[in-house]
Amino acid sequence: MREFDEKSITGAVLERLADCNDPRFKQVMSSLVTHLHDFVREVRLTEAEWMTAIQFLTDVGRTCTEKRQEFILLSDTLGVSVLVITLNHPTDRGSADSSGCAPRWRADGHAVLHG
């Protein structure tokens, strides 16, 4: 059985992405793993805290249905939705119009991010 320390585990996880055929997916996932591992080390996350986070995400997932997507609300709450829109639709000022921070919802339950 291979043993890891708090630094080597990141490299081992990144090695698993070596054969990924999608370069963009590999880039995004490699960065996510690297930043997430750095975060865990920075805050010295405990096992109990991680289990609380896992339970929170599990609870969010359980409330999702075909017409109710709670991960979008979580994305909005964390500011990620506006950040992604800002990065992908800059204005002359360099930022997106974020007056509507959350997506608008159609009667069929689908989100509309613009207009």
PDB file of N, CA and C in Angstrom:
ATOM      1  N   MET A   1       0.837  -1.181   0.000  1.00  0.00           N
ATOM      2  CA  MET A   1       0.000   0.000   0.000  1.00  0.00           C
ATOM      3  C   MET A   1       0.884   1.247   0.000  1.00  0.00           C
ATOM      4  N   ARG A   2       0.593   2.158  -0.884  1.00  0.00           N
ATOM      5  CA  ARG A   2       1.353   3.394  -1.005  1.00  0.00           C
ATOM      6  C   ARG A   2       0.970   4.361   0.115  1.00  0.00           C
ATOM      7  N   GLU A   3       1.962   5.000   0.712  1.00  0.00           N
ATOM      8  CA  GLU A   3       1.703   5.959   1.776  1.00  0.00           C
ATOM      9  C   GLU A   3       1.932   7.371   1.265  1.00  0.00           C
ATOM     10  N   PHE A   4       1.144   8.312   1.780  1.00  0.00           N
ATOM     11  CA  PHE A   4       1.223   9.700   1.368  1.00  0.00           C
ATOM     12  C   PHE A   4       1.417  10.591   2.577  1.00  0.00           C
ATOM     13  N   ASP A   5       2.023  11.747   2.326  1.00  0.00           N
ATOM     14  CA  ASP A   5       2.051  12.778   3.352  1.00  0.00           C
ATOM     15  C   ASP A   5       1.197  13.938   2.849  1.00  0.00           C
ATOM     16  N   GLU A   6       1.160  15.015   3.618  1.00  0.00           N
ATOM     17  CA  GLU A   6       0.242  16.104   3.264  1.00  0.00           C
ATOM     18  C   GLU A   6       0.606  16.808   1.963  1.00  0.00           C
ATOM     19  N   LYS A   7       1.800  16.620   1.471  1.00  0.00           N
ATOM     20  CA  LYS A   7       2.190  17.210   0.182  1.00  0.00           C
ATOM     21  C   LYS A   7       2.096  16.199  -0.959  1.00  0.00           C
ATOM     22  N   SER A   8       2.525  14.972  -0.732  1.00  0.00           N
ATOM     23  CA  SER A   8       2.594  13.995  -1.825  1.00  0.00           C
ATOM     24  C   SER A   8       1.222  13.546  -2.320  1.00  0.00           C
ATOM     25  N   ILE A   9       0.193  13.660  -1.483  1.00  0.00           N
ATOM     26  CA  ILE A   9      -1.135  13.228  -1.913  1.00  0.00           C
ATOM     27  C   ILE A   9      -1.628  14.050  -3.110  1.00  0.00           C
ATOM     28  N   THR A  10      -1.284  15.333  -3.150  1.00  0.00           N
ATOM     29  CA  THR A  10      -1.732  16.184  -4.257  1.00  0.00           C
ATOM     30  C   THR A  10      -1.149  15.691  -5.576  1.00  0.00           C
ATOM     31  N   GLY A  11       0.142  15.423  -5.585  1.00  0.00           N
ATOM     32  CA  GLY A  11       0.782  14.907  -6.796  1.00  0.00           C
ATOM     33  C   GLY A  11       0.197  13.575  -7.233  1.00  0.00           C
ATOM     34  N   ALA A  12      -0.125  12.723  -6.271  1.00  0.00           N
ATOM     35  CA  ALA A  12      -0.693  11.409  -6.603  1.00  0.00           C
ATOM     36  C   ALA A  12      -2.064  11.561  -7.262  1.00  0.00           C
ATOM     37  N   VAL A  13      -2.868  12.491  -6.760  1.00  0.00           N
ATOM     38  CA  VAL A  13      -4.182  12.710  -7.363  1.00  0.00           C
ATOM     39  C   VAL A  13      -4.018  13.299  -8.762  1.00  0.00           C
ATOM     40  N   LEU A  14      -3.092  14.239  -8.917  1.00  0.00           N
ATOM     41  CA  LEU A  14      -2.858  14.846 -10.227  1.00  0.00           C
ATOM     42  C   LEU A  14      -2.367  13.819 -11.244  1.00  0.00           C
ATOM     43  N   GLU A  15      -1.590  12.832 -10.795  1.00  0.00           N
ATOM     44  CA  GLU A  15      -1.117  11.769 -11.689  1.00  0.00           C
ATOM     45  C   GLU A  15      -2.281  10.993 -12.299  1.00  0.00           C
ATOM     46  N   ARG A  16      -3.374  10.892 -11.567  1.00  0.00           N
ATOM     47  CA  ARG A  16      -4.539  10.161 -12.068  1.00  0.00           C
ATOM     48  C   ARG A  16      -5.163  10.851 -13.281  1.00  0.00           C
ATOM     49  N   LEU A  17      -4.872  12.129 -13.437  1.00  0.00           N
ATOM     50  CA  LEU A  17      -5.406  12.879 -14.575  1.00  0.00           C
ATOM     51  C   LEU A  17      -4.492  12.821 -15.792  1.00  0.00           C
ATOM     52  N   ALA A  18      -3.375  12.140 -15.684  1.00  0.00           N
ATOM     53  CA  ALA A  18      -2.370  12.119 -16.756  1.00  0.00           C
ATOM     54  C   ALA A  18      -2.927  11.624 -18.081  1.00  0.00           C
ATOM     55  N   ASP A  19      -3.803  10.655 -18.042  1.00  0.00           N
ATOM     56  CA  ASP A  19      -4.338  10.071 -19.276  1.00  0.00           C
ATOM     57  C   ASP A  19      -5.635  10.721 -19.748  1.00  0.00           C
ATOM     58  N   CYS A  20      -6.009  11.830 -19.144  1.00  0.00           N
ATOM     59  CA  CYS A  20      -7.248  12.509 -19.522  1.00  0.00           C
ATOM     60  C   CYS A  20      -7.156  12.991 -20.968  1.00  0.00           C
ATOM     61  N   ASN A  21      -8.171  12.672 -21.760  1.00  0.00           N
ATOM     62  CA  ASN A  21      -8.178  13.026 -23.178  1.00  0.00           C
ATOM     63  C   ASN A  21      -8.677  14.437 -23.457  1.00  0.00           C
ATOM     64  N   ASP A  22      -9.262  15.077 -22.475  1.00  0.00           N
ATOM     65  CA  ASP A  22      -9.812  16.418 -22.645  1.00  0.00           C
ATOM     66  C   ASP A  22      -8.885  17.409 -21.945  1.00  0.00           C
ATOM     67  N   PRO A  23      -8.070  18.158 -22.708  1.00  0.00           N
ATOM     68  CA  PRO A  23      -7.091  19.059 -22.095  1.00  0.00           C
ATOM     69  C   PRO A  23      -7.712  20.109 -21.178  1.00  0.00           C
ATOM     70  N   ARG A  24      -8.870  20.641 -21.545  1.00  0.00           N
ATOM     71  CA  ARG A  24      -9.503  21.659 -20.706  1.00  0.00           C
ATOM     72  C   ARG A  24     -10.008  21.049 -19.414  1.00  0.00           C
ATOM     73  N   PHE A  25     -10.634  19.885 -19.477  1.00  0.00           N
ATOM     74  CA  PHE A  25     -11.096  19.207 -18.263  1.00  0.00           C
ATOM     75  C   PHE A  25      -9.910  18.909 -17.349  1.00  0.00           C
ATOM     76  N   LYS A  26      -8.818  18.443 -17.941  1.00  0.00           N
ATOM     77  CA  LYS A  26      -7.610  18.152 -17.168  1.00  0.00           C
ATOM     78  C   LYS A  26      -7.090  19.409 -16.486  1.00  0.00           C
ATOM     79  N   GLN A  27      -7.069  20.533 -17.204  1.00  0.00           N
ATOM     80  CA  GLN A  27      -6.612  21.794 -16.624  1.00  0.00           C
ATOM     81  C   GLN A  27      -7.503  22.226 -15.463  1.00  0.00           C
ATOM     82  N   VAL A  28      -8.817  22.185 -15.681  1.00  0.00           N
ATOM     83  CA  VAL A  28      -9.761  22.625 -14.646  1.00  0.00           C
ATOM     84  C   VAL A  28      -9.669  21.727 -13.418  1.00  0.00           C
ATOM     85  N   MET A  29      -9.674  20.417 -13.619  1.00  0.00           N
ATOM     86  CA  MET A  29      -9.634  19.495 -12.483  1.00  0.00           C
ATOM     87  C   MET A  29      -8.298  19.552 -11.749  1.00  0.00           C
ATOM     88  N   SER A  30      -7.194  19.702 -12.478  1.00  0.00           N
ATOM     89  CA  SER A  30      -5.880  19.813 -11.842  1.00  0.00           C
ATOM     90  C   SER A  30      -5.814  21.057 -10.962  1.00  0.00           C
ATOM     91  N   SER A  31      -6.343  22.149 -11.468  1.00  0.00           N
ATOM     92  CA  SER A  31      -6.350  23.380 -10.690  1.00  0.00           C
ATOM     93  C   SER A  31      -7.267  23.250  -9.475  1.00  0.00           C
ATOM     94  N   LEU A  32      -8.440  22.642  -9.682  1.00  0.00           N
ATOM     95  CA  LEU A  32      -9.365  22.445  -8.564  1.00  0.00           C
ATOM     96  C   LEU A  32      -8.709  21.620  -7.460  1.00  0.00           C
ATOM     97  N   VAL A  33      -8.106  20.505  -7.822  1.00  0.00           N
ATOM     98  CA  VAL A  33      -7.461  19.638  -6.834  1.00  0.00           C
ATOM     99  C   VAL A  33      -6.348  20.394  -6.113  1.00  0.00           C
ATOM    100  N   THR A  34      -5.524  21.095  -6.871  1.00  0.00           N
ATOM    101  CA  THR A  34      -4.406  21.829  -6.273  1.00  0.00           C
ATOM    102  C   THR A  34      -4.899  22.882  -5.283  1.00  0.00           C
ATOM    103  N   HIS A  35      -5.867  23.689  -5.699  1.00  0.00           N
ATOM    104  CA  HIS A  35      -6.384  24.744  -4.819  1.00  0.00           C
ATOM    105  C   HIS A  35      -7.140  24.175  -3.621  1.00  0.00           C
ATOM    106  N   LEU A  36      -7.910  23.116  -3.842  1.00  0.00           N
ATOM    107  CA  LEU A  36      -8.638  22.504  -2.737  1.00  0.00           C
ATOM    108  C   LEU A  36      -7.677  21.914  -1.710  1.00  0.00           C
ATOM    109  N   HIS A  37      -6.661  21.231  -2.166  1.00  0.00           N
ATOM    110  CA  HIS A  37      -5.673  20.674  -1.240  1.00  0.00           C
ATOM    111  C   HIS A  37      -4.941  21.790  -0.492  1.00  0.00           C
ATOM    112  N   ASP A  38      -4.600  22.868  -1.210  1.00  0.00           N
ATOM    113  CA  ASP A  38      -3.955  24.013  -0.548  1.00  0.00           C
ATOM    114  C   ASP A  38      -4.864  24.618   0.516  1.00  0.00           C
ATOM    115  N   PHE A  39      -6.153  24.725   0.210  1.00  0.00           N
ATOM    116  CA  PHE A  39      -7.131  25.243   1.173  1.00  0.00           C
ATOM    117  C   PHE A  39      -7.174  24.361   2.425  1.00  0.00           C
ATOM    118  N   VAL A  40      -7.259  23.055   2.224  1.00  0.00           N
ATOM    119  CA  VAL A  40      -7.334  22.127   3.357  1.00  0.00           C
ATOM    120  C   VAL A  40      -6.087  22.271   4.236  1.00  0.00           C
ATOM    121  N   ARG A  41      -4.929  22.374   3.594  1.00  0.00           N
ATOM    122  CA  ARG A  41      -3.695  22.553   4.371  1.00  0.00           C
ATOM    123  C   ARG A  41      -3.682  23.903   5.080  1.00  0.00           C
ATOM    124  N   GLU A  42      -4.118  24.961   4.387  1.00  0.00           N
ATOM    125  CA  GLU A  42      -4.086  26.312   4.961  1.00  0.00           C
ATOM    126  C   GLU A  42      -4.933  26.425   6.221  1.00  0.00           C
ATOM    127  N   VAL A  43      -6.157  25.883   6.178  1.00  0.00           N
ATOM    128  CA  VAL A  43      -7.051  26.019   7.329  1.00  0.00           C
ATOM    129  C   VAL A  43      -6.914  24.857   8.312  1.00  0.00           C
ATOM    130  N   ARG A  44      -6.069  23.878   7.962  1.00  0.00           N
ATOM    131  CA  ARG A  44      -5.868  22.697   8.806  1.00  0.00           C
ATOM    132  C   ARG A  44      -7.210  22.032   9.104  1.00  0.00           C
ATOM    133  N   LEU A  45      -7.964  21.749   8.052  1.00  0.00           N
ATOM    134  CA  LEU A  45      -9.300  21.189   8.155  1.00  0.00           C
ATOM    135  C   LEU A  45      -9.285  19.897   8.957  1.00  0.00           C
ATOM    136  N   THR A  46     -10.213  19.783   9.889  1.00  0.00           N
ATOM    137  CA  THR A  46     -10.314  18.557  10.684  1.00  0.00           C
ATOM    138  C   THR A  46     -11.225  17.552   9.983  1.00  0.00           C
ATOM    139  N   GLU A  47     -11.148  16.302  10.403  1.00  0.00           N
ATOM    140  CA  GLU A  47     -12.026  15.276   9.844  1.00  0.00           C
ATOM    141  C   GLU A  47     -13.491  15.603  10.123  1.00  0.00           C
ATOM    142  N   ALA A  48     -13.782  16.109  11.311  1.00  0.00           N
ATOM    143  CA  ALA A  48     -15.162  16.461  11.659  1.00  0.00           C
ATOM    144  C   ALA A  48     -15.665  17.602  10.770  1.00  0.00           C
ATOM    145  N   GLU A  49     -14.814  18.584  10.530  1.00  0.00           N
ATOM    146  CA  GLU A  49     -15.208  19.698   9.663  1.00  0.00           C
ATOM    147  C   GLU A  49     -15.445  19.221   8.238  1.00  0.00           C
ATOM    148  N   TRP A  50     -14.599  18.314   7.748  1.00  0.00           N
ATOM    149  CA  TRP A  50     -14.780  17.789   6.397  1.00  0.00           C
ATOM    150  C   TRP A  50     -16.070  16.986   6.305  1.00  0.00           C
ATOM    151  N   MET A  51     -16.375  16.189   7.326  1.00  0.00           N
ATOM    152  CA  MET A  51     -17.621  15.420   7.320  1.00  0.00           C
ATOM    153  C   MET A  51     -18.830  16.353   7.366  1.00  0.00           C
ATOM    154  N   THR A  52     -18.733  17.461   8.081  1.00  0.00           N
ATOM    155  CA  THR A  52     -19.813  18.459   8.090  1.00  0.00           C
ATOM    156  C   THR A  52     -20.001  19.039   6.695  1.00  0.00           C
ATOM    157  N   ALA A  53     -18.902  19.320   6.007  1.00  0.00           N
ATOM    158  CA  ALA A  53     -18.984  19.843   4.633  1.00  0.00           C
ATOM    159  C   ALA A  53     -19.601  18.811   3.703  1.00  0.00           C
ATOM    160  N   ILE A  54     -19.205  17.556   3.835  1.00  0.00           N
ATOM    161  CA  ILE A  54     -19.766  16.477   3.012  1.00  0.00           C
ATOM    162  C   ILE A  54     -21.269  16.347   3.277  1.00  0.00           C
ATOM    163  N   GLN A  55     -21.660  16.421   4.540  1.00  0.00           N
ATOM    164  CA  GLN A  55     -23.082  16.322   4.882  1.00  0.00           C
ATOM    165  C   GLN A  55     -23.852  17.505   4.302  1.00  0.00           C
ATOM    166  N   PHE A  56     -23.270  18.709   4.362  1.00  0.00           N
ATOM    167  CA  PHE A  56     -23.906  19.893   3.780  1.00  0.00           C
ATOM    168  C   PHE A  56     -24.143  19.692   2.284  1.00  0.00           C
ATOM    169  N   LEU A  57     -23.117  19.246   1.562  1.00  0.00           N
ATOM    170  CA  LEU A  57     -23.259  19.017   0.122  1.00  0.00           C
ATOM    171  C   LEU A  57     -24.259  17.896  -0.172  1.00  0.00           C
ATOM    172  N   THR A  58     -24.267  16.869   0.664  1.00  0.00           N
ATOM    173  CA  THR A  58     -25.238  15.783   0.517  1.00  0.00           C
ATOM    174  C   THR A  58     -26.653  16.312   0.687  1.00  0.00           C
ATOM    175  N   ASP A  59     -26.854  17.149   1.698  1.00  0.00           N
ATOM    176  CA  ASP A  59     -28.177  17.730   1.935  1.00  0.00           C
ATOM    177  C   ASP A  59     -28.610  18.620   0.770  1.00  0.00           C
ATOM    178  N   VAL A  60     -27.681  19.391   0.233  1.00  0.00           N
ATOM    179  CA  VAL A  60     -27.994  20.228  -0.932  1.00  0.00           C
ATOM    180  C   VAL A  60     -28.431  19.335  -2.093  1.00  0.00           C
ATOM    181  N   GLY A  61     -27.673  18.277  -2.338  1.00  0.00           N
ATOM    182  CA  GLY A  61     -28.012  17.359  -3.428  1.00  0.00           C
ATOM    183  C   GLY A  61     -29.362  16.693  -3.243  1.00  0.00           C
ATOM    184  N   ARG A  62     -29.710  16.360  -2.026  1.00  0.00           N
ATOM    185  CA  ARG A  62     -30.991  15.687  -1.760  1.00  0.00           C
ATOM    186  C   ARG A  62     -32.187  16.599  -2.029  1.00  0.00           C
ATOM    187  N   THR A  63     -31.994  17.905  -1.957  1.00  0.00           N
ATOM    188  CA  THR A  63     -33.115  18.819  -2.188  1.00  0.00           C
ATOM    189  C   THR A  63     -33.299  19.140  -3.666  1.00  0.00           C
ATOM    190  N   CYS A  64     -32.392  18.675  -4.503  1.00  0.00           N
ATOM    191  CA  CYS A  64     -32.500  18.933  -5.944  1.00  0.00           C
ATOM    192  C   CYS A  64     -33.547  18.013  -6.571  1.00  0.00           C
ATOM    193  N   THR A  65     -34.296  18.578  -7.507  1.00  0.00           N
ATOM    194  CA  THR A  65     -35.252  17.818  -8.308  1.00  0.00           C
ATOM    195  C   THR A  65     -35.089  18.276  -9.751  1.00  0.00           C
ATOM    196  N   GLU A  66     -35.920  17.758 -10.649  1.00  0.00           N
ATOM    197  CA  GLU A  66     -35.867  18.212 -12.041  1.00  0.00           C
ATOM    198  C   GLU A  66     -36.168  19.697 -12.160  1.00  0.00           C
ATOM    199  N   LYS A  67     -36.952  20.229 -11.251  1.00  0.00           N
ATOM    200  CA  LYS A  67     -37.345  21.643 -11.321  1.00  0.00           C
ATOM    201  C   LYS A  67     -36.689  22.506 -10.249  1.00  0.00           C
ATOM    202  N   ARG A  68     -35.881  21.917  -9.390  1.00  0.00           N
ATOM    203  CA  ARG A  68     -35.254  22.668  -8.298  1.00  0.00           C
ATOM    204  C   ARG A  68     -33.781  22.285  -8.242  1.00  0.00           C
ATOM    205  N   GLN A  69     -32.916  23.215  -8.646  1.00  0.00           N
ATOM    206  CA  GLN A  69     -31.475  22.943  -8.689  1.00  0.00           C
ATOM    207  C   GLN A  69     -30.783  23.778  -7.612  1.00  0.00           C
ATOM    208  N   GLU A  70     -30.609  23.173  -6.449  1.00  0.00           N
ATOM    209  CA  GLU A  70     -30.042  23.884  -5.304  1.00  0.00           C
ATOM    210  C   GLU A  70     -28.562  24.214  -5.472  1.00  0.00           C
ATOM    211  N   PHE A  71     -27.849  23.477  -6.327  1.00  0.00           N
ATOM    212  CA  PHE A  71     -26.439  23.798  -6.534  1.00  0.00           C
ATOM    213  C   PHE A  71     -26.277  25.131  -7.263  1.00  0.00           C
ATOM    214  N   ILE A  72     -27.270  25.518  -8.066  1.00  0.00           N
ATOM    215  CA  ILE A  72     -27.230  26.845  -8.682  1.00  0.00           C
ATOM    216  C   ILE A  72     -27.375  27.907  -7.596  1.00  0.00           C
ATOM    217  N   LEU A  73     -28.281  27.704  -6.659  1.00  0.00           N
ATOM    218  CA  LEU A  73     -28.436  28.646  -5.557  1.00  0.00           C
ATOM    219  C   LEU A  73     -27.156  28.727  -4.725  1.00  0.00           C
ATOM    220  N   LEU A  74     -26.534  27.587  -4.469  1.00  0.00           N
ATOM    221  CA  LEU A  74     -25.267  27.574  -3.743  1.00  0.00           C
ATOM    222  C   LEU A  74     -24.200  28.331  -4.521  1.00  0.00           C
ATOM    223  N   SER A  75     -24.153  28.128  -5.831  1.00  0.00           N
ATOM    224  CA  SER A  75     -23.219  28.859  -6.681  1.00  0.00           C
ATOM    225  C   SER A  75     -23.449  30.361  -6.576  1.00  0.00           C
ATOM    226  N   ASP A  76     -24.719  30.762  -6.562  1.00  0.00           N
ATOM    227  CA  ASP A  76     -25.053  32.179  -6.401  1.00  0.00           C
ATOM    228  C   ASP A  76     -24.611  32.691  -5.036  1.00  0.00           C
ATOM    229  N   THR A  77     -24.891  31.917  -3.993  1.00  0.00           N
ATOM    230  CA  THR A  77     -24.549  32.310  -2.628  1.00  0.00           C
ATOM    231  C   THR A  77     -23.046  32.500  -2.459  1.00  0.00           C
ATOM    232  N   LEU A  78     -22.266  31.646  -3.105  1.00  0.00           N
ATOM    233  CA  LEU A  78     -20.808  31.729  -3.018  1.00  0.00           C
ATOM    234  C   LEU A  78     -20.217  32.771  -3.969  1.00  0.00           C
ATOM    235  N   GLY A  79     -21.069  33.394  -4.800  1.00  0.00           N
ATOM    236  CA  GLY A  79     -20.600  34.408  -5.738  1.00  0.00           C
ATOM    237  C   GLY A  79     -19.979  33.854  -7.006  1.00  0.00           C
ATOM    238  N   VAL A  80     -20.039  32.548  -7.174  1.00  0.00           N
ATOM    239  CA  VAL A  80     -19.404  31.933  -8.338  1.00  0.00           C
ATOM    240  C   VAL A  80     -20.188  32.219  -9.615  1.00  0.00           C
ATOM    241  N   SER A  81     -21.505  32.226  -9.538  1.00  0.00           N
ATOM    242  CA  SER A  81     -22.315  32.486 -10.730  1.00  0.00           C
ATOM    243  C   SER A  81     -21.968  33.832 -11.351  1.00  0.00           C
ATOM    244  N   VAL A  82     -21.942  34.878 -10.527  1.00  0.00           N
ATOM    245  CA  VAL A  82     -21.626  36.216 -11.036  1.00  0.00           C
ATOM    246  C   VAL A  82     -20.188  36.277 -11.525  1.00  0.00           C
ATOM    247  N   LEU A  83     -19.271  35.626 -10.840  1.00  0.00           N
ATOM    248  CA  LEU A  83     -17.880  35.626 -11.268  1.00  0.00           C
ATOM    249  C   LEU A  83     -17.728  34.979 -12.638  1.00  0.00           C
ATOM    250  N   VAL A  84     -18.382  33.841 -12.859  1.00  0.00           N
ATOM    251  CA  VAL A  84     -18.304  33.159 -14.156  1.00  0.00           C
ATOM    252  C   VAL A  84     -18.909  34.041 -15.253  1.00  0.00           C
ATOM    253  N   ILE A  85     -20.058  34.657 -14.962  1.00  0.00           N
ATOM    254  CA  ILE A  85     -20.678  35.552 -15.940  1.00  0.00           C
ATOM    255  C   ILE A  85     -19.761  36.734 -16.225  1.00  0.00           C
ATOM    256  N   THR A  86     -19.166  37.306 -15.184  1.00  0.00           N
ATOM    257  CA  THR A  86     -18.268  38.449 -15.342  1.00  0.00           C
ATOM    258  C   THR A  86     -17.063  38.090 -16.205  1.00  0.00           C
ATOM    259  N   LEU A  87     -16.496  36.919 -15.985  1.00  0.00           N
ATOM    260  CA  LEU A  87     -15.335  36.493 -16.768  1.00  0.00           C
ATOM    261  C   LEU A  87     -15.683  36.242 -18.229  1.00  0.00           C
ATOM    262  N   ASN A  88     -16.881  35.742 -18.475  1.00  0.00           N
ATOM    263  CA  ASN A  88     -17.260  35.342 -19.822  1.00  0.00           C
ATOM    264  C   ASN A  88     -18.021  36.395 -20.612  1.00  0.00           C
ATOM    265  N   HIS A  89     -18.506  37.438 -19.931  1.00  0.00           N
ATOM    266  CA  HIS A  89     -19.275  38.488 -20.593  1.00  0.00           C
ATOM    267  C   HIS A  89     -18.875  39.856 -20.050  1.00  0.00           C
ATOM    268  N   PRO A  90     -17.609  40.242 -20.229  1.00  0.00           N
ATOM    269  CA  PRO A  90     -17.173  41.533 -19.684  1.00  0.00           C
ATOM    270  C   PRO A  90     -17.835  42.695 -20.426  1.00  0.00           C
ATOM    271  N   THR A  91     -17.992  43.801 -19.730  1.00  0.00           N
ATOM    272  CA  THR A  91     -18.498  45.025 -20.333  1.00  0.00           C
ATOM    273  C   THR A  91     -17.317  45.925 -20.638  1.00  0.00           C
ATOM    274  N   ASP A  92     -17.595  47.089 -21.149  1.00  0.00           N
ATOM    275  CA  ASP A  92     -16.526  48.057 -21.414  1.00  0.00           C
ATOM    276  C   ASP A  92     -15.774  48.411 -20.131  1.00  0.00           C
ATOM    277  N   ARG A  93     -16.461  48.309 -19.007  1.00  0.00           N
ATOM    278  CA  ARG A  93     -15.845  48.606 -17.706  1.00  0.00           C
ATOM    279  C   ARG A  93     -15.046  47.409 -17.185  1.00  0.00           C
ATOM    280  N   GLY A  94     -15.137  46.275 -17.879  1.00  0.00           N
ATOM    281  CA  GLY A  94     -14.388  45.094 -17.467  1.00  0.00           C
ATOM    282  C   GLY A  94     -15.150  44.156 -16.562  1.00  0.00           C
ATOM    283  N   SER A  95     -16.415  44.460 -16.295  1.00  0.00           N
ATOM    284  CA  SER A  95     -17.197  43.562 -15.452  1.00  0.00           C
ATOM    285  C   SER A  95     -18.595  43.416 -16.021  1.00  0.00           C
ATOM    286  N   ALA A  96     -19.227  42.321 -15.688  1.00  0.00           N
ATOM    287  CA  ALA A  96     -20.590  42.070 -16.155  1.00  0.00           C
ATOM    288  C   ALA A  96     -21.568  42.881 -15.329  1.00  0.00           C
ATOM    289  N   ASP A  97     -22.713  43.140 -15.906  1.00  0.00           N
ATOM    290  CA  ASP A  97     -23.795  43.763 -15.155  1.00  0.00           C
ATOM    291  C   ASP A  97     -24.343  42.696 -14.220  1.00  0.00           C
ATOM    292  N   SER A  98     -24.069  42.830 -12.953  1.00  0.00           N
ATOM    293  CA  SER A  98     -24.487  41.808 -11.991  1.00  0.00           C
ATOM    294  C   SER A  98     -25.702  42.260 -11.200  1.00  0.00           C
ATOM    295  N   SER A  99     -26.502  43.156 -11.779  1.00  0.00           N
ATOM    296  CA  SER A  99     -27.679  43.619 -11.056  1.00  0.00           C
ATOM    297  C   SER A  99     -28.645  42.471 -10.781  1.00  0.00           C
ATOM    298  N   GLY A 100     -28.633  41.484 -11.643  1.00  0.00           N
ATOM    299  CA  GLY A 100     -29.432  40.287 -11.390  1.00  0.00           C
ATOM    300  C   GLY A 100     -28.502  39.173 -10.999  1.00  0.00           C
ATOM    301  N   CYS A 101     -28.091  39.124  -9.753  1.00  0.00           N
ATOM    302  CA  CYS A 101     -27.067  38.174  -9.311  1.00  0.00           C
ATOM    303  C   CYS A 101     -27.466  36.726  -9.543  1.00  0.00           C
ATOM    304  N   ALA A 102     -28.721  36.434  -9.353  1.00  0.00           N
ATOM    305  CA  ALA A 102     -29.153  35.059  -9.529  1.00  0.00           C
ATOM    306  C   ALA A 102     -29.813  34.904 -10.889  1.00  0.00           C
ATOM    307  N   PRO A 103     -29.841  33.684 -11.406  1.00  0.00           N
ATOM    308  CA  PRO A 103     -30.534  33.490 -12.679  1.00  0.00           C
ATOM    309  C   PRO A 103     -32.034  33.723 -12.510  1.00  0.00           C
ATOM    310  N   ARG A 104     -32.682  34.062 -13.605  1.00  0.00           N
ATOM    311  CA  ARG A 104     -34.145  34.143 -13.608  1.00  0.00           C
ATOM    312  C   ARG A 104     -34.665  32.762 -13.976  1.00  0.00           C
ATOM    313  N   TRP A 105     -35.858  32.435 -13.484  1.00  0.00           N
ATOM    314  CA  TRP A 105     -36.395  31.098 -13.706  1.00  0.00           C
ATOM    315  C   TRP A 105     -37.623  31.163 -14.594  1.00  0.00           C
ATOM    316  N   ARG A 106     -37.656  30.277 -15.594  1.00  0.00           N
ATOM    317  CA  ARG A 106     -38.823  30.158 -16.458  1.00  0.00           C
ATOM    318  C   ARG A 106     -39.832  29.234 -15.802  1.00  0.00           C
ATOM    319  N   ALA A 107     -41.045  29.238 -16.327  1.00  0.00           N
ATOM    320  CA  ALA A 107     -42.107  28.398 -15.771  1.00  0.00           C
ATOM    321  C   ALA A 107     -41.759  26.913 -15.811  1.00  0.00           C
ATOM    322  N   ASP A 108     -40.928  26.493 -16.798  1.00  0.00           N
ATOM    323  CA  ASP A 108     -40.559  25.080 -16.899  1.00  0.00           C
ATOM    324  C   ASP A 108     -39.412  24.702 -15.982  1.00  0.00           C
ATOM    325  N   GLY A 109     -38.941  25.660 -15.157  1.00  0.00           N
ATOM    326  CA  GLY A 109     -37.897  25.367 -14.181  1.00  0.00           C
ATOM    327  C   GLY A 109     -36.484  25.566 -14.669  1.00  0.00           C
ATOM    328  N   HIS A 110     -36.302  25.971 -15.928  1.00  0.00           N
ATOM    329  CA  HIS A 110     -34.963  26.200 -16.454  1.00  0.00           C
ATOM    330  C   HIS A 110     -34.501  27.612 -16.132  1.00  0.00           C
ATOM    331  N   ALA A 111     -33.188  27.742 -15.868  1.00  0.00           N
ATOM    332  CA  ALA A 111     -32.609  29.048 -15.558  1.00  0.00           C
ATOM    333  C   ALA A 111     -32.335  29.826 -16.826  1.00  0.00           C
ATOM    334  N   VAL A 112     -32.519  31.129 -16.754  1.00  0.00           N
ATOM    335  CA  VAL A 112     -32.165  32.048 -17.828  1.00  0.00           C
ATOM    336  C   VAL A 112     -31.201  33.055 -17.227  1.00  0.00           C
ATOM    337  N   LEU A 113     -29.960  33.054 -17.705  1.00  0.00           N
ATOM    338  CA  LEU A 113     -28.953  33.924 -17.118  1.00  0.00           C
ATOM    339  C   LEU A 113     -28.992  35.340 -17.668  1.00  0.00           C
ATOM    340  N   HIS A 114     -29.578  35.545 -18.826  1.00  0.00           N
ATOM    341  CA  HIS A 114     -29.625  36.875 -19.423  1.00  0.00           C
ATOM    342  C   HIS A 114     -31.029  37.175 -19.906  1.00  0.00           C
ATOM    343  N   GLY A 115     -31.384  38.439 -19.791  1.00  0.00           N
ATOM    344  CA  GLY A 115     -32.601  38.988 -20.354  1.00  0.00           C
ATOM    345  C   GLY A 115     -33.836  38.277 -20.181  1.00  0.00           C
TER     346      GLY A 115
END
